[in-house]
Amino acid sequence: MPAKLLFTIVLAGVFAVSPATAQTDRGMAVLSAVVAADGTTARGAGVLSSAGEGAGIYLVTFNRDIRDCTYMASVGGTGFESYLDSRVSVAWGVTTPEEIFVNTYAGGVFAALPFHLIVFCAR
């Protein structure tokens, strides 16, 4: 419950979010995933699965087409950990319209790191 509360507080003033439906009061879908370094899904909204495809390479699948959405990710633990000198990149998947590829790096090379991913869809 604290993660949902924090998510609502962060977005306060922009639009209201209903944690149960992951829909905003403006009709925008908000999807999310918190993924552990081994590729398993720790928690999320609208996420069907996640998997590690190799060191620092992940595939996250959501329950809807996300081709026309906006993606944001950050390296971060599934609990209270933080990671210095790390970065993350995201790209829409080429296999199905529900997938996003996420790459995590430490010291400029692929590294298995946990991350948080959020997807905003206008329709």
PDB file of N, CA and C in Angstrom:
ATOM      1  N   MET A   1       0.793  -1.198   0.000  1.00  0.00           N
ATOM      2  CA  MET A   1       0.000   0.000   0.000  1.00  0.00           C
ATOM      3  C   MET A   1       0.837   1.264   0.000  1.00  0.00           C
ATOM      4  N   PRO A   2       1.974   1.360   0.681  1.00  0.00           N
ATOM      5  CA  PRO A   2       2.767   2.583   0.663  1.00  0.00           C
ATOM      6  C   PRO A   2       3.220   2.970  -0.741  1.00  0.00           C
ATOM      7  N   ALA A   3       3.535   2.007  -1.613  1.00  0.00           N
ATOM      8  CA  ALA A   3       3.984   2.331  -2.971  1.00  0.00           C
ATOM      9  C   ALA A   3       2.878   3.032  -3.744  1.00  0.00           C
ATOM     10  N   LYS A   4       1.639   2.572  -3.596  1.00  0.00           N
ATOM     11  CA  LYS A   4       0.520   3.201  -4.291  1.00  0.00           C
ATOM     12  C   LYS A   4       0.279   4.601  -3.748  1.00  0.00           C
ATOM     13  N   LEU A   5       0.397   4.763  -2.450  1.00  0.00           N
ATOM     14  CA  LEU A   5       0.223   6.073  -1.833  1.00  0.00           C
ATOM     15  C   LEU A   5       1.295   7.032  -2.326  1.00  0.00           C
ATOM     16  N   LEU A   6       2.545   6.607  -2.356  1.00  0.00           N
ATOM     17  CA  LEU A   6       3.630   7.445  -2.844  1.00  0.00           C
ATOM     18  C   LEU A   6       3.398   7.827  -4.290  1.00  0.00           C
ATOM     19  N   PHE A   7       2.962   6.884  -5.120  1.00  0.00           N
ATOM     20  CA  PHE A   7       2.710   7.144  -6.521  1.00  0.00           C
ATOM     21  C   PHE A   7       1.641   8.229  -6.671  1.00  0.00           C
ATOM     22  N   THR A   8       0.591   8.152  -5.903  1.00  0.00           N
ATOM     23  CA  THR A   8      -0.468   9.153  -5.958  1.00  0.00           C
ATOM     24  C   THR A   8       0.045  10.511  -5.519  1.00  0.00           C
ATOM     25  N   ILE A   9       0.876  10.559  -4.486  1.00  0.00           N
ATOM     26  CA  ILE A   9       1.421  11.830  -4.004  1.00  0.00           C
ATOM     27  C   ILE A   9       2.332  12.460  -5.050  1.00  0.00           C
ATOM     28  N   VAL A  10       3.176  11.673  -5.693  1.00  0.00           N
ATOM     29  CA  VAL A  10       4.083  12.198  -6.712  1.00  0.00           C
ATOM     30  C   VAL A  10       3.311  12.827  -7.852  1.00  0.00           C
ATOM     31  N   LEU A  11       2.192  12.231  -8.238  1.00  0.00           N
ATOM     32  CA  LEU A  11       1.427  12.741  -9.365  1.00  0.00           C
ATOM     33  C   LEU A  11       0.390  13.785  -8.959  1.00  0.00           C
ATOM     34  N   ALA A  12       0.232  14.056  -7.678  1.00  0.00           N
ATOM     35  CA  ALA A  12      -0.737  15.038  -7.214  1.00  0.00           C
ATOM     36  C   ALA A  12      -0.454  16.394  -7.845  1.00  0.00           C
ATOM     37  N   GLY A  13      -1.499  17.061  -8.232  1.00  0.00           N
ATOM     38  CA  GLY A  13      -1.352  18.367  -8.865  1.00  0.00           C
ATOM     39  C   GLY A  13      -1.277  18.261 -10.380  1.00  0.00           C
ATOM     40  N   VAL A  14      -0.897  17.113 -10.897  1.00  0.00           N
ATOM     41  CA  VAL A  14      -0.885  16.901 -12.346  1.00  0.00           C
ATOM     42  C   VAL A  14      -2.217  16.288 -12.752  1.00  0.00           C
ATOM     43  N   PHE A  15      -2.591  15.202 -12.127  1.00  0.00           N
ATOM     44  CA  PHE A  15      -3.880  14.559 -12.298  1.00  0.00           C
ATOM     45  C   PHE A  15      -4.036  13.519 -11.205  1.00  0.00           C
ATOM     46  N   ALA A  16      -5.271  13.154 -10.938  1.00  0.00           N
ATOM     47  CA  ALA A  16      -5.539  12.168  -9.884  1.00  0.00           C
ATOM     48  C   ALA A  16      -5.442  10.758 -10.466  1.00  0.00           C
ATOM     49  N   VAL A  17      -4.908   9.833  -9.677  1.00  0.00           N
ATOM     50  CA  VAL A  17      -4.742   8.454 -10.125  1.00  0.00           C
ATOM     51  C   VAL A  17      -5.491   7.526  -9.192  1.00  0.00           C
ATOM     52  N   SER A  18      -6.228   6.617  -9.775  1.00  0.00           N
ATOM     53  CA  SER A  18      -6.898   5.591  -8.993  1.00  0.00           C
ATOM     54  C   SER A  18      -6.025   4.349  -8.987  1.00  0.00           C
ATOM     55  N   PRO A  19      -5.435   3.958  -7.845  1.00  0.00           N
ATOM     56  CA  PRO A  19      -4.545   2.798  -7.799  1.00  0.00           C
ATOM     57  C   PRO A  19      -5.213   1.508  -8.249  1.00  0.00           C
ATOM     58  N   ALA A  20      -6.513   1.369  -8.035  1.00  0.00           N
ATOM     59  CA  ALA A  20      -7.192   0.125  -8.372  1.00  0.00           C
ATOM     60  C   ALA A  20      -7.289  -0.090  -9.881  1.00  0.00           C
ATOM     61  N   THR A  21      -7.481   0.974 -10.642  1.00  0.00           N
ATOM     62  CA  THR A  21      -7.698   0.822 -12.071  1.00  0.00           C
ATOM     63  C   THR A  21      -6.528   1.309 -12.915  1.00  0.00           C
ATOM     64  N   ALA A  22      -5.587   2.017 -12.331  1.00  0.00           N
ATOM     65  CA  ALA A  22      -4.471   2.615 -13.052  1.00  0.00           C
ATOM     66  C   ALA A  22      -4.965   3.542 -14.159  1.00  0.00           C
ATOM     67  N   GLN A  23      -6.085   4.229 -13.920  1.00  0.00           N
ATOM     68  CA  GLN A  23      -6.624   5.217 -14.844  1.00  0.00           C
ATOM     69  C   GLN A  23      -6.627   6.572 -14.147  1.00  0.00           C
ATOM     70  N   THR A  24      -6.327   7.606 -14.887  1.00  0.00           N
ATOM     71  CA  THR A  24      -6.364   8.939 -14.306  1.00  0.00           C
ATOM     72  C   THR A  24      -7.742   9.542 -14.517  1.00  0.00           C
ATOM     73  N   ASP A  25      -7.989  10.670 -13.886  1.00  0.00           N
ATOM     74  CA  ASP A  25      -9.268  11.342 -14.059  1.00  0.00           C
ATOM     75  C   ASP A  25      -9.385  11.981 -15.444  1.00  0.00           C
ATOM     76  N   ARG A  26      -8.325  11.957 -16.235  1.00  0.00           N
ATOM     77  CA  ARG A  26      -8.354  12.500 -17.591  1.00  0.00           C
ATOM     78  C   ARG A  26      -8.329  11.388 -18.647  1.00  0.00           C
ATOM     79  N   GLY A  27      -8.583  10.147 -18.239  1.00  0.00           N
ATOM     80  CA  GLY A  27      -8.657   9.041 -19.180  1.00  0.00           C
ATOM     81  C   GLY A  27      -7.317   8.449 -19.579  1.00  0.00           C
ATOM     82  N   MET A  28      -6.257   8.869 -18.950  1.00  0.00           N
ATOM     83  CA  MET A  28      -4.931   8.358 -19.288  1.00  0.00           C
ATOM     84  C   MET A  28      -4.665   7.069 -18.516  1.00  0.00           C
ATOM     85  N   ALA A  29      -4.167   6.060 -19.192  1.00  0.00           N
ATOM     86  CA  ALA A  29      -3.786   4.818 -18.520  1.00  0.00           C
ATOM     87  C   ALA A  29      -2.370   4.971 -17.973  1.00  0.00           C
ATOM     88  N   VAL A  30      -2.164   4.521 -16.753  1.00  0.00           N
ATOM     89  CA  VAL A  30      -0.851   4.557 -16.124  1.00  0.00           C
ATOM     90  C   VAL A  30      -0.471   3.127 -15.764  1.00  0.00           C
ATOM     91  N   LEU A  31       0.565   2.620 -16.415  1.00  0.00           N
ATOM     92  CA  LEU A  31       1.053   1.268 -16.179  1.00  0.00           C
ATOM     93  C   LEU A  31       2.401   1.362 -15.487  1.00  0.00           C
ATOM     94  N   SER A  32       2.753   0.351 -14.709  1.00  0.00           N
ATOM     95  CA  SER A  32       4.046   0.405 -14.027  1.00  0.00           C
ATOM     96  C   SER A  32       4.571  -0.996 -13.757  1.00  0.00           C
ATOM     97  N   ALA A  33       5.878  -1.054 -13.539  1.00  0.00           N
ATOM     98  CA  ALA A  33       6.517  -2.311 -13.150  1.00  0.00           C
ATOM     99  C   ALA A  33       7.754  -2.003 -12.333  1.00  0.00           C
ATOM    100  N   VAL A  34       7.929  -2.730 -11.253  1.00  0.00           N
ATOM    101  CA  VAL A  34       9.164  -2.715 -10.490  1.00  0.00           C
ATOM    102  C   VAL A  34       9.762  -4.099 -10.695  1.00  0.00           C
ATOM    103  N   VAL A  35      10.958  -4.128 -11.278  1.00  0.00           N
ATOM    104  CA  VAL A  35      11.569  -5.388 -11.689  1.00  0.00           C
ATOM    105  C   VAL A  35      12.881  -5.592 -10.936  1.00  0.00           C
ATOM    106  N   ALA A  36      13.051  -6.781 -10.378  1.00  0.00           N
ATOM    107  CA  ALA A  36      14.274  -7.139  -9.651  1.00  0.00           C
ATOM    108  C   ALA A  36      15.410  -7.396 -10.635  1.00  0.00           C
ATOM    109  N   ALA A  37      16.621  -7.405 -10.140  1.00  0.00           N
ATOM    110  CA  ALA A  37      17.809  -7.603 -10.987  1.00  0.00           C
ATOM    111  C   ALA A  37      17.768  -8.925 -11.745  1.00  0.00           C
ATOM    112  N   ASP A  38      17.093  -9.931 -11.206  1.00  0.00           N
ATOM    113  CA  ASP A  38      16.998 -11.223 -11.900  1.00  0.00           C
ATOM    114  C   ASP A  38      15.889 -11.269 -12.942  1.00  0.00           C
ATOM    115  N   GLY A  39      15.148 -10.164 -13.092  1.00  0.00           N
ATOM    116  CA  GLY A  39      14.104 -10.084 -14.109  1.00  0.00           C
ATOM    117  C   GLY A  39      12.709 -10.383 -13.618  1.00  0.00           C
ATOM    118  N   THR A  40      12.551 -10.762 -12.371  1.00  0.00           N
ATOM    119  CA  THR A  40      11.217 -11.048 -11.849  1.00  0.00           C
ATOM    120  C   THR A  40      10.483  -9.758 -11.502  1.00  0.00           C
ATOM    121  N   THR A  41       9.177  -9.787 -11.646  1.00  0.00           N
ATOM    122  CA  THR A  41       8.345  -8.639 -11.323  1.00  0.00           C
ATOM    123  C   THR A  41       8.108  -8.596  -9.817  1.00  0.00           C
ATOM    124  N   ALA A  42       8.477  -7.488  -9.187  1.00  0.00           N
ATOM    125  CA  ALA A  42       8.238  -7.317  -7.757  1.00  0.00           C
ATOM    126  C   ALA A  42       6.825  -6.797  -7.508  1.00  0.00           C
ATOM    127  N   ARG A  43       6.381  -5.858  -8.338  1.00  0.00           N
ATOM    128  CA  ARG A  43       5.037  -5.290  -8.233  1.00  0.00           C
ATOM    129  C   ARG A  43       4.791  -4.426  -9.461  1.00  0.00           C
ATOM    130  N   GLY A  44       3.556  -3.996  -9.628  1.00  0.00           N
ATOM    131  CA  GLY A  44       3.243  -3.136 -10.753  1.00  0.00           C
ATOM    132  C   GLY A  44       1.755  -3.048 -11.006  1.00  0.00           C
ATOM    133  N   ALA A  45       1.389  -2.298 -12.040  1.00  0.00           N
ATOM    134  CA  ALA A  45       0.004  -2.146 -12.471  1.00  0.00           C
ATOM    135  C   ALA A  45      -0.044  -2.373 -13.973  1.00  0.00           C
ATOM    136  N   GLY A  46      -0.821  -3.337 -14.399  1.00  0.00           N
ATOM    137  CA  GLY A  46      -0.950  -3.633 -15.820  1.00  0.00           C
ATOM    138  C   GLY A  46       0.193  -4.434 -16.404  1.00  0.00           C
ATOM    139  N   VAL A  47       1.142  -4.845 -15.576  1.00  0.00           N
ATOM    140  CA  VAL A  47       2.281  -5.630 -16.063  1.00  0.00           C
ATOM    141  C   VAL A  47       1.899  -7.108 -16.045  1.00  0.00           C
ATOM    142  N   LEU A  48       2.109  -7.790 -17.172  1.00  0.00           N
ATOM    143  CA  LEU A  48       1.823  -9.221 -17.260  1.00  0.00           C
ATOM    144  C   LEU A  48       3.025 -10.058 -16.868  1.00  0.00           C
ATOM    145  N   SER A  49       4.220  -9.621 -17.326  1.00  0.00           N
ATOM    146  CA  SER A  49       5.422 -10.394 -17.024  1.00  0.00           C
ATOM    147  C   SER A  49       6.665  -9.546 -17.250  1.00  0.00           C
ATOM    148  N   SER A  50       7.756 -10.037 -16.703  1.00  0.00           N
ATOM    149  CA  SER A  50       9.067  -9.442 -16.960  1.00  0.00           C
ATOM    150  C   SER A  50      10.076 -10.577 -16.925  1.00  0.00           C
ATOM    151  N   ALA A  51      11.153 -10.397 -17.687  1.00  0.00           N
ATOM    152  CA  ALA A  51      12.159 -11.456 -17.744  1.00  0.00           C
ATOM    153  C   ALA A  51      13.509 -10.860 -18.067  1.00  0.00           C
ATOM    154  N   GLY A  52      14.540 -11.434 -17.476  1.00  0.00           N
ATOM    155  CA  GLY A  52      15.904 -11.066 -17.817  1.00  0.00           C
ATOM    156  C   GLY A  52      16.316 -11.822 -19.058  1.00  0.00           C
ATOM    157  N   GLU A  53      16.842 -11.114 -20.046  1.00  0.00           N
ATOM    158  CA  GLU A  53      17.262 -11.729 -21.303  1.00  0.00           C
ATOM    159  C   GLU A  53      18.774 -11.839 -21.397  1.00  0.00           C
ATOM    160  N   GLY A  54      19.482 -11.494 -20.339  1.00  0.00           N
ATOM    161  CA  GLY A  54      20.939 -11.457 -20.291  1.00  0.00           C
ATOM    162  C   GLY A  54      21.322 -10.350 -19.322  1.00  0.00           C
ATOM    163  N   ALA A  55      22.597 -10.214 -19.043  1.00  0.00           N
ATOM    164  CA  ALA A  55      23.054  -9.193 -18.091  1.00  0.00           C
ATOM    165  C   ALA A  55      22.601  -7.806 -18.536  1.00  0.00           C
ATOM    166  N   GLY A  56      21.708  -7.194 -17.771  1.00  0.00           N
ATOM    167  CA  GLY A  56      21.253  -5.847 -18.052  1.00  0.00           C
ATOM    168  C   GLY A  56      20.259  -5.717 -19.184  1.00  0.00           C
ATOM    169  N   ILE A  57      19.704  -6.808 -19.662  1.00  0.00           N
ATOM    170  CA  ILE A  57      18.737  -6.776 -20.763  1.00  0.00           C
ATOM    171  C   ILE A  57      17.439  -7.405 -20.267  1.00  0.00           C
ATOM    172  N   TYR A  58      16.342  -6.640 -20.333  1.00  0.00           N
ATOM    173  CA  TYR A  58      15.064  -7.091 -19.797  1.00  0.00           C
ATOM    174  C   TYR A  58      13.949  -6.872 -20.802  1.00  0.00           C
ATOM    175  N   LEU A  59      12.938  -7.696 -20.706  1.00  0.00           N
ATOM    176  CA  LEU A  59      11.733  -7.560 -21.515  1.00  0.00           C
ATOM    177  C   LEU A  59      10.549  -7.500 -20.553  1.00  0.00           C
ATOM    178  N   VAL A  60       9.759  -6.425 -20.650  1.00  0.00           N
ATOM    179  CA  VAL A  60       8.590  -6.246 -19.793  1.00  0.00           C
ATOM    180  C   VAL A  60       7.362  -6.233 -20.692  1.00  0.00           C
ATOM    181  N   THR A  61       6.362  -7.031 -20.338  1.00  0.00           N
ATOM    182  CA  THR A  61       5.145  -7.142 -21.132  1.00  0.00           C
ATOM    183  C   THR A  61       3.962  -6.620 -20.325  1.00  0.00           C
ATOM    184  N   PHE A  62       3.183  -5.722 -20.940  1.00  0.00           N
ATOM    185  CA  PHE A  62       2.009  -5.146 -20.302  1.00  0.00           C
ATOM    186  C   PHE A  62       0.734  -5.728 -20.898  1.00  0.00           C
ATOM    187  N   ASN A  63      -0.400  -5.389 -20.311  1.00  0.00           N
ATOM    188  CA  ASN A  63      -1.675  -5.960 -20.714  1.00  0.00           C
ATOM    189  C   ASN A  63      -2.386  -5.171 -21.809  1.00  0.00           C
ATOM    190  N   ARG A  64      -1.666  -4.301 -22.503  1.00  0.00           N
ATOM    191  CA  ARG A  64      -2.268  -3.499 -23.573  1.00  0.00           C
ATOM    192  C   ARG A  64      -1.197  -3.044 -24.551  1.00  0.00           C
ATOM    193  N   ASP A  65      -1.624  -2.572 -25.679  1.00  0.00           N
ATOM    194  CA  ASP A  65      -0.749  -2.004 -26.702  1.00  0.00           C
ATOM    195  C   ASP A  65      -0.141  -0.721 -26.151  1.00  0.00           C
ATOM    196  N   ILE A  66       1.178  -0.610 -26.171  1.00  0.00           N
ATOM    197  CA  ILE A  66       1.854   0.565 -25.610  1.00  0.00           C
ATOM    198  C   ILE A  66       2.689   1.323 -26.652  1.00  0.00           C
ATOM    199  N   ARG A  67       2.428   1.052 -27.928  1.00  0.00           N
ATOM    200  CA  ARG A  67       3.223   1.704 -28.981  1.00  0.00           C
ATOM    201  C   ARG A  67       3.120   3.218 -28.966  1.00  0.00           C
ATOM    202  N   ASP A  68       1.968   3.763 -28.642  1.00  0.00           N
ATOM    203  CA  ASP A  68       1.769   5.216 -28.667  1.00  0.00           C
ATOM    204  C   ASP A  68       1.871   5.840 -27.279  1.00  0.00           C
ATOM    205  N   CYS A  69       2.568   5.190 -26.390  1.00  0.00           N
ATOM    206  CA  CYS A  69       2.679   5.656 -25.010  1.00  0.00           C
ATOM    207  C   CYS A  69       4.043   6.300 -24.755  1.00  0.00           C
ATOM    208  N   THR A  70       4.196   6.864 -23.577  1.00  0.00           N
ATOM    209  CA  THR A  70       5.454   7.450 -23.127  1.00  0.00           C
ATOM    210  C   THR A  70       6.019   6.568 -22.030  1.00  0.00           C
ATOM    211  N   TYR A  71       7.337   6.297 -22.090  1.00  0.00           N
ATOM    212  CA  TYR A  71       7.988   5.396 -21.139  1.00  0.00           C
ATOM    213  C   TYR A  71       9.030   6.158 -20.338  1.00  0.00           C
ATOM    214  N   MET A  72       9.101   5.856 -19.050  1.00  0.00           N
ATOM    215  CA  MET A  72      10.132   6.421 -18.180  1.00  0.00           C
ATOM    216  C   MET A  72      10.637   5.309 -17.278  1.00  0.00           C
ATOM    217  N   ALA A  73      11.937   5.266 -17.059  1.00  0.00           N
ATOM    218  CA  ALA A  73      12.502   4.239 -16.190  1.00  0.00           C
ATOM    219  C   ALA A  73      13.634   4.838 -15.370  1.00  0.00           C
ATOM    220  N   SER A  74      13.889   4.209 -14.233  1.00  0.00           N
ATOM    221  CA  SER A  74      15.026   4.590 -13.405  1.00  0.00           C
ATOM    222  C   SER A  74      15.560   3.341 -12.724  1.00  0.00           C
ATOM    223  N   VAL A  75      16.859   3.311 -12.527  1.00  0.00           N
ATOM    224  CA  VAL A  75      17.465   2.210 -11.787  1.00  0.00           C
ATOM    225  C   VAL A  75      17.101   2.411 -10.327  1.00  0.00           C
ATOM    226  N   GLY A  76      16.641   1.368  -9.701  1.00  0.00           N
ATOM    227  CA  GLY A  76      16.271   1.448  -8.298  1.00  0.00           C
ATOM    228  C   GLY A  76      15.836   0.097  -7.791  1.00  0.00           C
ATOM    229  N   GLY A  77      16.096  -0.155  -6.562  1.00  0.00           N
ATOM    230  CA  GLY A  77      15.794  -1.446  -5.963  1.00  0.00           C
ATOM    231  C   GLY A  77      14.323  -1.684  -5.749  1.00  0.00           C
ATOM    232  N   THR A  78      14.007  -2.916  -5.402  1.00  0.00           N
ATOM    233  CA  THR A  78      12.636  -3.276  -5.094  1.00  0.00           C
ATOM    234  C   THR A  78      12.279  -2.904  -3.658  1.00  0.00           C
ATOM    235  N   GLY A  79      13.269  -2.474  -2.909  1.00  0.00           N
ATOM    236  CA  GLY A  79      13.063  -2.022  -1.532  1.00  0.00           C
ATOM    237  C   GLY A  79      13.654  -0.641  -1.357  1.00  0.00           C
ATOM    238  N   PHE A  80      14.659  -0.523  -0.493  1.00  0.00           N
ATOM    239  CA  PHE A  80      15.244   0.779  -0.174  1.00  0.00           C
ATOM    240  C   PHE A  80      16.659   0.947  -0.711  1.00  0.00           C
ATOM    241  N   GLU A  81      17.068   0.131  -1.671  1.00  0.00           N
ATOM    242  CA  GLU A  81      18.426   0.228  -2.197  1.00  0.00           C
ATOM    243  C   GLU A  81      18.536   1.382  -3.199  1.00  0.00           C
ATOM    244  N   SER A  82      19.753   1.863  -3.389  1.00  0.00           N
ATOM    245  CA  SER A  82      20.024   2.830  -4.452  1.00  0.00           C
ATOM    246  C   SER A  82      21.322   2.402  -5.140  1.00  0.00           C
ATOM    247  N   TYR A  83      21.486   2.854  -6.366  1.00  0.00           N
ATOM    248  CA  TYR A  83      22.630   2.424  -7.173  1.00  0.00           C
ATOM    249  C   TYR A  83      23.301   3.647  -7.782  1.00  0.00           C
ATOM    250  N   LEU A  84      24.552   3.868  -7.431  1.00  0.00           N
ATOM    251  CA  LEU A  84      25.316   4.978  -7.973  1.00  0.00           C
ATOM    252  C   LEU A  84      25.959   4.563  -9.285  1.00  0.00           C
ATOM    253  N   ASP A  85      26.288   5.532 -10.111  1.00  0.00           N
ATOM    254  CA  ASP A  85      26.955   5.284 -11.394  1.00  0.00           C
ATOM    255  C   ASP A  85      26.197   4.252 -12.225  1.00  0.00           C
ATOM    256  N   SER A  86      24.884   4.413 -12.309  1.00  0.00           N
ATOM    257  CA  SER A  86      24.079   3.484 -13.098  1.00  0.00           C
ATOM    258  C   SER A  86      23.139   4.280 -13.989  1.00  0.00           C
ATOM    259  N   ARG A  87      22.684   3.631 -15.039  1.00  0.00           N
ATOM    260  CA  ARG A  87      21.714   4.275 -15.922  1.00  0.00           C
ATOM    261  C   ARG A  87      20.830   3.212 -16.552  1.00  0.00           C
ATOM    262  N   VAL A  88      19.782   3.674 -17.202  1.00  0.00           N
ATOM    263  CA  VAL A  88      18.803   2.774 -17.797  1.00  0.00           C
ATOM    264  C   VAL A  88      18.326   3.377 -19.114  1.00  0.00           C
ATOM    265  N   SER A  89      17.975   2.519 -20.060  1.00  0.00           N
ATOM    266  CA  SER A  89      17.371   2.977 -21.312  1.00  0.00           C
ATOM    267  C   SER A  89      16.169   2.095 -21.609  1.00  0.00           C
ATOM    268  N   VAL A  90      15.187   2.660 -22.301  1.00  0.00           N
ATOM    269  CA  VAL A  90      13.980   1.919 -22.654  1.00  0.00           C
ATOM    270  C   VAL A  90      13.699   2.075 -24.137  1.00  0.00           C
ATOM    271  N   ALA A  91      13.100   1.055 -24.722  1.00  0.00           N
ATOM    272  CA  ALA A  91      12.707   1.094 -26.130  1.00  0.00           C
ATOM    273  C   ALA A  91      11.498   0.193 -26.313  1.00  0.00           C
ATOM    274  N   TRP A  92      10.576   0.627 -27.140  1.00  0.00           N
ATOM    275  CA  TRP A  92       9.408  -0.191 -27.420  1.00  0.00           C
ATOM    276  C   TRP A  92       9.867  -1.494 -28.066  1.00  0.00           C
ATOM    277  N   GLY A  93       9.252  -2.584 -27.667  1.00  0.00           N
ATOM    278  CA  GLY A  93       9.620  -3.901 -28.186  1.00  0.00           C
ATOM    279  C   GLY A  93       9.229  -4.075 -29.641  1.00  0.00           C
ATOM    280  N   VAL A  94       9.947  -4.893 -30.349  1.00  0.00           N
ATOM    281  CA  VAL A  94       9.664  -5.117 -31.767  1.00  0.00           C
ATOM    282  C   VAL A  94       8.901  -6.417 -32.001  1.00  0.00           C
ATOM    283  N   THR A  95       8.750  -7.238 -30.982  1.00  0.00           N
ATOM    284  CA  THR A  95       8.073  -8.519 -31.142  1.00  0.00           C
ATOM    285  C   THR A  95       6.558  -8.365 -31.082  1.00  0.00           C
ATOM    286  N   THR A  96       6.064  -7.711 -30.038  1.00  0.00           N
ATOM    287  CA  THR A  96       4.626  -7.454 -29.900  1.00  0.00           C
ATOM    288  C   THR A  96       4.414  -6.026 -29.431  1.00  0.00           C
ATOM    289  N   PRO A  97       3.227  -5.458 -29.671  1.00  0.00           N
ATOM    290  CA  PRO A  97       2.967  -4.069 -29.261  1.00  0.00           C
ATOM    291  C   PRO A  97       2.788  -3.876 -27.760  1.00  0.00           C
ATOM    292  N   GLU A  98       2.885  -4.945 -26.978  1.00  0.00           N
ATOM    293  CA  GLU A  98       2.729  -4.844 -25.526  1.00  0.00           C
ATOM    294  C   GLU A  98       4.058  -4.870 -24.776  1.00  0.00           C
ATOM    295  N   GLU A  99       5.170  -4.952 -25.480  1.00  0.00           N
ATOM    296  CA  GLU A  99       6.479  -5.152 -24.850  1.00  0.00           C
ATOM    297  C   GLU A  99       7.354  -3.905 -24.840  1.00  0.00           C
ATOM    298  N   ILE A 100       8.180  -3.819 -23.801  1.00  0.00           N
ATOM    299  CA  ILE A 100       9.215  -2.781 -23.709  1.00  0.00           C
ATOM    300  C   ILE A 100      10.527  -3.479 -23.351  1.00  0.00           C
ATOM    301  N   PHE A 101      11.583  -3.102 -24.056  1.00  0.00           N
ATOM    302  CA  PHE A 101      12.920  -3.557 -23.700  1.00  0.00           C
ATOM    303  C   PHE A 101      13.546  -2.533 -22.773  1.00  0.00           C
ATOM    304  N   VAL A 102      14.190  -3.008 -21.734  1.00  0.00           N
ATOM    305  CA  VAL A 102      14.878  -2.142 -20.781  1.00  0.00           C
ATOM    306  C   VAL A 102      16.313  -2.626 -20.660  1.00  0.00           C
ATOM    307  N   ASN A 103      17.248  -1.711 -20.753  1.00  0.00           N
ATOM    308  CA  ASN A 103      18.666  -2.037 -20.555  1.00  0.00           C
ATOM    309  C   ASN A 103      19.168  -1.271 -19.352  1.00  0.00           C
ATOM    310  N   THR A 104      19.925  -1.952 -18.483  1.00  0.00           N
ATOM    311  CA  THR A 104      20.529  -1.297 -17.324  1.00  0.00           C
ATOM    312  C   THR A 104      22.044  -1.399 -17.430  1.00  0.00           C
ATOM    313  N   TYR A 105      22.712  -0.336 -16.980  1.00  0.00           N
ATOM    314  CA  TYR A 105      24.166  -0.222 -17.108  1.00  0.00           C
ATOM    315  C   TYR A 105      24.778   0.257 -15.794  1.00  0.00           C
ATOM    316  N   ALA A 106      25.979  -0.178 -15.540  1.00  0.00           N
ATOM    317  CA  ALA A 106      26.784   0.334 -14.427  1.00  0.00           C
ATOM    318  C   ALA A 106      28.202   0.500 -14.954  1.00  0.00           C
ATOM    319  N   GLY A 107      28.785   1.658 -14.730  1.00  0.00           N
ATOM    320  CA  GLY A 107      30.134   1.907 -15.219  1.00  0.00           C
ATOM    321  C   GLY A 107      30.241   1.828 -16.731  1.00  0.00           C
ATOM    322  N   GLY A 108      29.133   2.088 -17.429  1.00  0.00           N
ATOM    323  CA  GLY A 108      29.145   2.111 -18.888  1.00  0.00           C
ATOM    324  C   GLY A 108      28.977   0.756 -19.570  1.00  0.00           C
ATOM    325  N   VAL A 109      28.784  -0.317 -18.801  1.00  0.00           N
ATOM    326  CA  VAL A 109      28.586  -1.647 -19.412  1.00  0.00           C
ATOM    327  C   VAL A 109      27.278  -2.253 -18.892  1.00  0.00           C
ATOM    328  N   PHE A 110      26.699  -3.159 -19.682  1.00  0.00           N
ATOM    329  CA  PHE A 110      25.485  -3.834 -19.247  1.00  0.00           C
ATOM    330  C   PHE A 110      25.697  -4.453 -17.872  1.00  0.00           C
ATOM    331  N   ALA A 111      24.715  -4.280 -16.987  1.00  0.00           N
ATOM    332  CA  ALA A 111      24.784  -4.843 -15.638  1.00  0.00           C
ATOM    333  C   ALA A 111      23.368  -5.192 -15.174  1.00  0.00           C
ATOM    334  N   ALA A 112      23.233  -6.293 -14.498  1.00  0.00           N
ATOM    335  CA  ALA A 112      21.942  -6.719 -13.964  1.00  0.00           C
ATOM    336  C   ALA A 112      21.588  -5.846 -12.762  1.00  0.00           C
ATOM    337  N   LEU A 113      20.631  -4.936 -12.954  1.00  0.00           N
ATOM    338  CA  LEU A 113      20.208  -4.008 -11.904  1.00  0.00           C
ATOM    339  C   LEU A 113      18.688  -3.954 -11.848  1.00  0.00           C
ATOM    340  N   PRO A 114      18.123  -3.763 -10.682  1.00  0.00           N
ATOM    341  CA  PRO A 114      16.672  -3.604 -10.584  1.00  0.00           C
ATOM    342  C   PRO A 114      16.262  -2.227 -11.105  1.00  0.00           C
ATOM    343  N   PHE A 115      15.012  -2.118 -11.535  1.00  0.00           N
ATOM    344  CA  PHE A 115      14.553  -0.837 -12.074  1.00  0.00           C
ATOM    345  C   PHE A 115      13.058  -0.652 -11.857  1.00  0.00           C
ATOM    346  N   HIS A 116      12.645   0.610 -12.007  1.00  0.00           N
ATOM    347  CA  HIS A 116      11.242   1.008 -11.950  1.00  0.00           C
ATOM    348  C   HIS A 116      10.890   1.539 -13.335  1.00  0.00           C
ATOM    349  N   LEU A 117       9.755   1.128 -13.845  1.00  0.00           N
ATOM    350  CA  LEU A 117       9.303   1.531 -15.178  1.00  0.00           C
ATOM    351  C   LEU A 117       7.868   2.031 -15.075  1.00  0.00           C
ATOM    352  N   ILE A 118       7.592   3.164 -15.694  1.00  0.00           N
ATOM    353  CA  ILE A 118       6.234   3.697 -15.730  1.00  0.00           C
ATOM    354  C   ILE A 118       5.887   4.033 -17.173  1.00  0.00           C
ATOM    355  N   VAL A 119       4.657   3.757 -17.544  1.00  0.00           N
ATOM    356  CA  VAL A 119       4.177   3.967 -18.913  1.00  0.00           C
ATOM    357  C   VAL A 119       2.907   4.790 -18.832  1.00  0.00           C
ATOM    358  N   PHE A 120       2.862   5.905 -19.560  1.00  0.00           N
ATOM    359  CA  PHE A 120       1.680   6.761 -19.637  1.00  0.00           C
ATOM    360  C   PHE A 120       1.080   6.624 -21.030  1.00  0.00           C
ATOM    361  N   CYS A 121      -0.203   6.281 -21.095  1.00  0.00           N
ATOM    362  CA  CYS A 121      -0.884   6.126 -22.383  1.00  0.00           C
ATOM    363  C   CYS A 121      -2.100   7.054 -22.431  1.00  0.00           C
ATOM    364  N   ALA A 122      -2.180   7.857 -23.486  1.00  0.00           N
ATOM    365  CA  ALA A 122      -3.248   8.850 -23.605  1.00  0.00           C
ATOM    366  C   ALA A 122      -4.579   8.224 -24.008  1.00  0.00           C
ATOM    367  N   ARG A 123      -4.545   7.061 -24.573  1.00  0.00           N
ATOM    368  CA  ARG A 123      -5.820   6.455 -24.996  1.00  0.00           C
ATOM    369  C   ARG A 123      -6.060   5.155 -24.294  1.00  0.00           C
TER     370      ARG A 123
END
